[in-house]
Each structure stands twice: as structure tokens, then as C-alpha cells.
Amino acid sequence: MGLGGISIWQLLIVLLIVVLVFGTRRLKGLGTDLGGALRSFRKAINEADSEPHSQLTDDGSKSSESVQGARDRVDS
């Protein structure tokens, strides 16, 4: 017995049907597109984490002041 009551043979049959319906060329393209999308998503997340956090001013525009800079002013 495999994953949640599905045997390995049932998974192989489903995989065979998917390959017959879509073809290997289309599945390869789908895998390439999905991999590229995940790669760019991870890159965007990493870039967003590396940027300093900015605060919004009263009028809704972004200030280049970081949160740490605001904390330093409060402490002094």
C-alpha cells in the first residue's frame, strides 16, 4: 500500500495516461515553465527580504527612513 491507500501500480497507470494524453513534449514544457516561475518567485522573495523596510508617511507616500533609524531617534 502506498500513499493514502494508492498503490504504486495505480500511480504508474495514472502517469501513463497523463503521458499518453498530453505527450512528453508538452509535459516537458510545462515542467520548464513551472520551474522558471518558482525560481523567479524565490528570487523576488529573497530580494524583498534583503531590502530595508521603509515606513509610510502621514500622506501615504513612502519614506526612505528605515525602522531602525526611527528607533534610534526615539531612544535618544
N, C-alpha and C. Protein backbone atom coordinates (compact mmCIF):
# COMPACT_ATOMS: atom_id res chain seq x y z
N MET A 1 0.85 -1.17 0.00
CA MET A 1 0.00 0.00 0.00
C MET A 1 0.90 1.24 0.00
N GLY A 2 0.53 2.25 -0.74
CA GLY A 2 1.35 3.46 -0.90
C GLY A 2 0.78 4.63 -0.14
N LEU A 3 0.69 5.73 -0.80
CA LEU A 3 0.24 6.98 -0.22
C LEU A 3 -1.27 7.00 -0.03
N GLY A 4 -1.74 6.91 1.19
CA GLY A 4 -3.17 7.02 1.47
C GLY A 4 -4.03 5.98 0.78
N GLY A 5 -3.53 4.78 0.65
CA GLY A 5 -4.32 3.72 0.04
C GLY A 5 -4.14 3.59 -1.46
N ILE A 6 -3.26 4.40 -2.06
CA ILE A 6 -3.00 4.32 -3.50
C ILE A 6 -1.71 3.52 -3.70
N SER A 7 -1.80 2.46 -4.47
CA SER A 7 -0.62 1.62 -4.68
C SER A 7 0.27 2.23 -5.77
N ILE A 8 1.47 1.72 -5.86
CA ILE A 8 2.42 2.20 -6.86
C ILE A 8 1.91 1.90 -8.26
N TRP A 9 1.20 0.80 -8.43
CA TRP A 9 0.67 0.44 -9.75
C TRP A 9 -0.39 1.43 -10.21
N GLN A 10 -1.23 1.88 -9.29
CA GLN A 10 -2.25 2.87 -9.65
C GLN A 10 -1.60 4.18 -10.06
N LEU A 11 -0.53 4.58 -9.34
CA LEU A 11 0.19 5.80 -9.70
C LEU A 11 0.84 5.68 -11.08
N LEU A 12 1.41 4.52 -11.38
CA LEU A 12 2.04 4.31 -12.68
C LEU A 12 1.01 4.35 -13.81
N ILE A 13 -0.15 3.79 -13.58
CA ILE A 13 -1.21 3.81 -14.60
C ILE A 13 -1.67 5.24 -14.86
N VAL A 14 -1.85 6.02 -13.80
CA VAL A 14 -2.25 7.43 -13.96
C VAL A 14 -1.17 8.19 -14.71
N LEU A 15 0.11 7.97 -14.36
CA LEU A 15 1.21 8.63 -15.05
C LEU A 15 1.23 8.26 -16.54
N LEU A 16 1.01 7.01 -16.86
CA LEU A 16 0.97 6.56 -18.25
C LEU A 16 -0.16 7.24 -19.02
N ILE A 17 -1.32 7.35 -18.41
CA ILE A 17 -2.46 8.01 -19.06
C ILE A 17 -2.16 9.49 -19.30
N VAL A 18 -1.54 10.15 -18.31
CA VAL A 18 -1.20 11.57 -18.47
C VAL A 18 -0.20 11.75 -19.61
N VAL A 19 0.80 10.88 -19.70
CA VAL A 19 1.79 10.97 -20.78
C VAL A 19 1.11 10.71 -22.13
N LEU A 20 0.20 9.76 -22.21
CA LEU A 20 -0.49 9.48 -23.46
C LEU A 20 -1.38 10.65 -23.89
N VAL A 21 -2.03 11.29 -22.94
CA VAL A 21 -2.95 12.38 -23.27
C VAL A 21 -2.19 13.64 -23.66
N PHE A 22 -1.19 14.04 -22.88
CA PHE A 22 -0.51 15.30 -23.11
C PHE A 22 0.76 15.18 -23.95
N GLY A 23 1.41 14.06 -23.90
CA GLY A 23 2.66 13.89 -24.64
C GLY A 23 3.85 14.40 -23.84
N THR A 24 5.00 13.84 -24.12
CA THR A 24 6.19 14.18 -23.35
C THR A 24 6.67 15.60 -23.63
N ARG A 25 6.47 16.09 -24.85
CA ARG A 25 6.95 17.43 -25.19
C ARG A 25 6.17 18.49 -24.42
N ARG A 26 4.87 18.35 -24.33
CA ARG A 26 4.06 19.31 -23.59
C ARG A 26 4.34 19.24 -22.08
N LEU A 27 4.53 18.03 -21.55
CA LEU A 27 4.86 17.89 -20.12
C LEU A 27 6.22 18.49 -19.81
N LYS A 28 7.19 18.35 -20.72
CA LYS A 28 8.50 18.95 -20.52
C LYS A 28 8.39 20.47 -20.50
N GLY A 29 7.62 21.02 -21.42
CA GLY A 29 7.42 22.47 -21.44
C GLY A 29 6.72 22.97 -20.20
N LEU A 30 5.75 22.22 -19.72
CA LEU A 30 5.04 22.59 -18.50
C LEU A 30 5.97 22.56 -17.30
N GLY A 31 6.83 21.56 -17.22
CA GLY A 31 7.80 21.48 -16.13
C GLY A 31 8.80 22.62 -16.18
N THR A 32 9.23 22.98 -17.38
CA THR A 32 10.18 24.09 -17.54
C THR A 32 9.53 25.41 -17.11
N ASP A 33 8.29 25.63 -17.54
CA ASP A 33 7.59 26.86 -17.16
C ASP A 33 7.35 26.94 -15.66
N LEU A 34 6.96 25.83 -15.07
CA LEU A 34 6.72 25.80 -13.63
C LEU A 34 8.01 26.04 -12.85
N GLY A 35 9.10 25.45 -13.29
CA GLY A 35 10.39 25.66 -12.63
C GLY A 35 10.85 27.11 -12.74
N GLY A 36 10.66 27.71 -13.90
CA GLY A 36 11.03 29.12 -14.08
C GLY A 36 10.20 30.05 -13.21
N ALA A 37 8.91 29.74 -13.08
CA ALA A 37 8.03 30.56 -12.25
C ALA A 37 8.44 30.45 -10.78
N LEU A 38 8.74 29.26 -10.31
CA LEU A 38 9.17 29.09 -8.92
C LEU A 38 10.51 29.78 -8.67
N ARG A 39 11.41 29.70 -9.63
CA ARG A 39 12.71 30.33 -9.48
C ARG A 39 12.58 31.85 -9.38
N SER A 40 11.75 32.45 -10.23
CA SER A 40 11.58 33.90 -10.18
C SER A 40 10.82 34.32 -8.92
N PHE A 41 9.90 33.49 -8.44
CA PHE A 41 9.19 33.79 -7.20
C PHE A 41 10.15 33.80 -6.02
N ARG A 42 11.02 32.80 -5.94
CA ARG A 42 12.01 32.75 -4.86
C ARG A 42 12.97 33.93 -4.92
N LYS A 43 13.37 34.30 -6.14
CA LYS A 43 14.27 35.44 -6.31
C LYS A 43 13.60 36.72 -5.82
N ALA A 44 12.32 36.91 -6.15
CA ALA A 44 11.60 38.11 -5.71
C ALA A 44 11.45 38.13 -4.19
N ILE A 45 11.19 36.99 -3.58
CA ILE A 45 11.06 36.91 -2.13
C ILE A 45 12.39 37.25 -1.47
N ASN A 46 13.49 36.72 -1.99
CA ASN A 46 14.81 37.00 -1.41
C ASN A 46 15.18 38.46 -1.57
N GLU A 47 14.84 39.07 -2.70
CA GLU A 47 15.13 40.49 -2.91
C GLU A 47 14.30 41.36 -1.98
N ALA A 48 13.06 40.97 -1.74
CA ALA A 48 12.20 41.75 -0.85
C ALA A 48 12.70 41.66 0.59
N ASP A 49 13.23 40.52 0.98
CA ASP A 49 13.75 40.36 2.34
C ASP A 49 15.05 41.13 2.54
N SER A 50 15.85 41.30 1.48
CA SER A 50 17.13 41.98 1.63
C SER A 50 16.99 43.50 1.61
N GLU A 51 15.89 44.04 1.09
CA GLU A 51 15.69 45.49 1.06
C GLU A 51 15.35 45.99 2.46
N PRO A 52 15.81 47.20 2.82
CA PRO A 52 15.44 47.74 4.13
C PRO A 52 13.96 48.08 4.17
N HIS A 53 13.38 47.92 5.32
CA HIS A 53 11.96 48.21 5.48
C HIS A 53 11.78 49.72 5.51
N SER A 54 10.76 50.20 4.83
CA SER A 54 10.50 51.63 4.83
C SER A 54 9.17 51.89 5.51
N GLN A 55 9.00 53.11 5.98
CA GLN A 55 7.77 53.49 6.66
C GLN A 55 6.95 54.37 5.74
N LEU A 56 5.67 54.39 5.97
CA LEU A 56 4.79 55.30 5.25
C LEU A 56 4.66 56.58 6.03
N THR A 57 4.67 57.70 5.34
CA THR A 57 4.46 58.99 6.00
C THR A 57 2.98 59.23 6.16
N ASP A 58 2.61 60.34 6.76
CA ASP A 58 1.21 60.65 7.02
C ASP A 58 0.39 60.77 5.73
N ASP A 59 1.01 61.25 4.66
CA ASP A 59 0.27 61.41 3.42
C ASP A 59 0.23 60.14 2.57
N GLY A 60 0.80 59.03 3.06
CA GLY A 60 0.72 57.75 2.37
C GLY A 60 1.90 57.47 1.46
N SER A 61 2.82 58.43 1.30
CA SER A 61 3.99 58.18 0.46
C SER A 61 5.07 57.50 1.29
N LYS A 62 5.92 56.76 0.60
CA LYS A 62 6.96 56.02 1.30
C LYS A 62 8.11 56.94 1.68
N SER A 63 8.63 56.72 2.85
CA SER A 63 9.81 57.44 3.30
C SER A 63 11.00 56.50 3.19
N SER A 64 12.16 57.01 2.91
CA SER A 64 13.35 56.17 2.79
C SER A 64 13.95 55.85 4.15
N GLU A 65 13.32 56.32 5.18
CA GLU A 65 13.80 56.10 6.54
C GLU A 65 13.52 54.66 6.96
N SER A 66 14.52 54.01 7.51
CA SER A 66 14.34 52.64 7.95
C SER A 66 13.72 52.59 9.34
N VAL A 67 13.21 51.45 9.69
CA VAL A 67 12.61 51.27 11.02
C VAL A 67 13.67 51.44 12.09
N GLN A 68 14.88 50.95 11.84
CA GLN A 68 15.95 51.08 12.83
C GLN A 68 16.30 52.54 13.05
N GLY A 69 16.31 53.35 12.00
CA GLY A 69 16.59 54.77 12.14
C GLY A 69 15.54 55.46 13.00
N ALA A 70 14.29 55.07 12.86
CA ALA A 70 13.22 55.65 13.67
C ALA A 70 13.41 55.23 15.13
N ARG A 71 13.82 54.02 15.37
CA ARG A 71 14.04 53.56 16.75
C ARG A 71 15.19 54.30 17.39
N ASP A 72 16.24 54.58 16.63
CA ASP A 72 17.38 55.31 17.16
C ASP A 72 16.98 56.71 17.60
N ARG A 73 16.11 57.36 16.83
CA ARG A 73 15.68 58.70 17.19
C ARG A 73 14.83 58.68 18.45
N VAL A 74 14.03 57.65 18.64
CA VAL A 74 13.17 57.55 19.82
C VAL A 74 14.04 57.32 21.05
N ASP A 75 15.07 56.52 20.94
CA ASP A 75 15.93 56.20 22.07
C ASP A 75 16.76 57.42 22.54
N SER A 76 17.08 58.33 21.64
CA SER A 76 17.95 59.46 22.03
C SER A 76 17.19 60.63 22.56
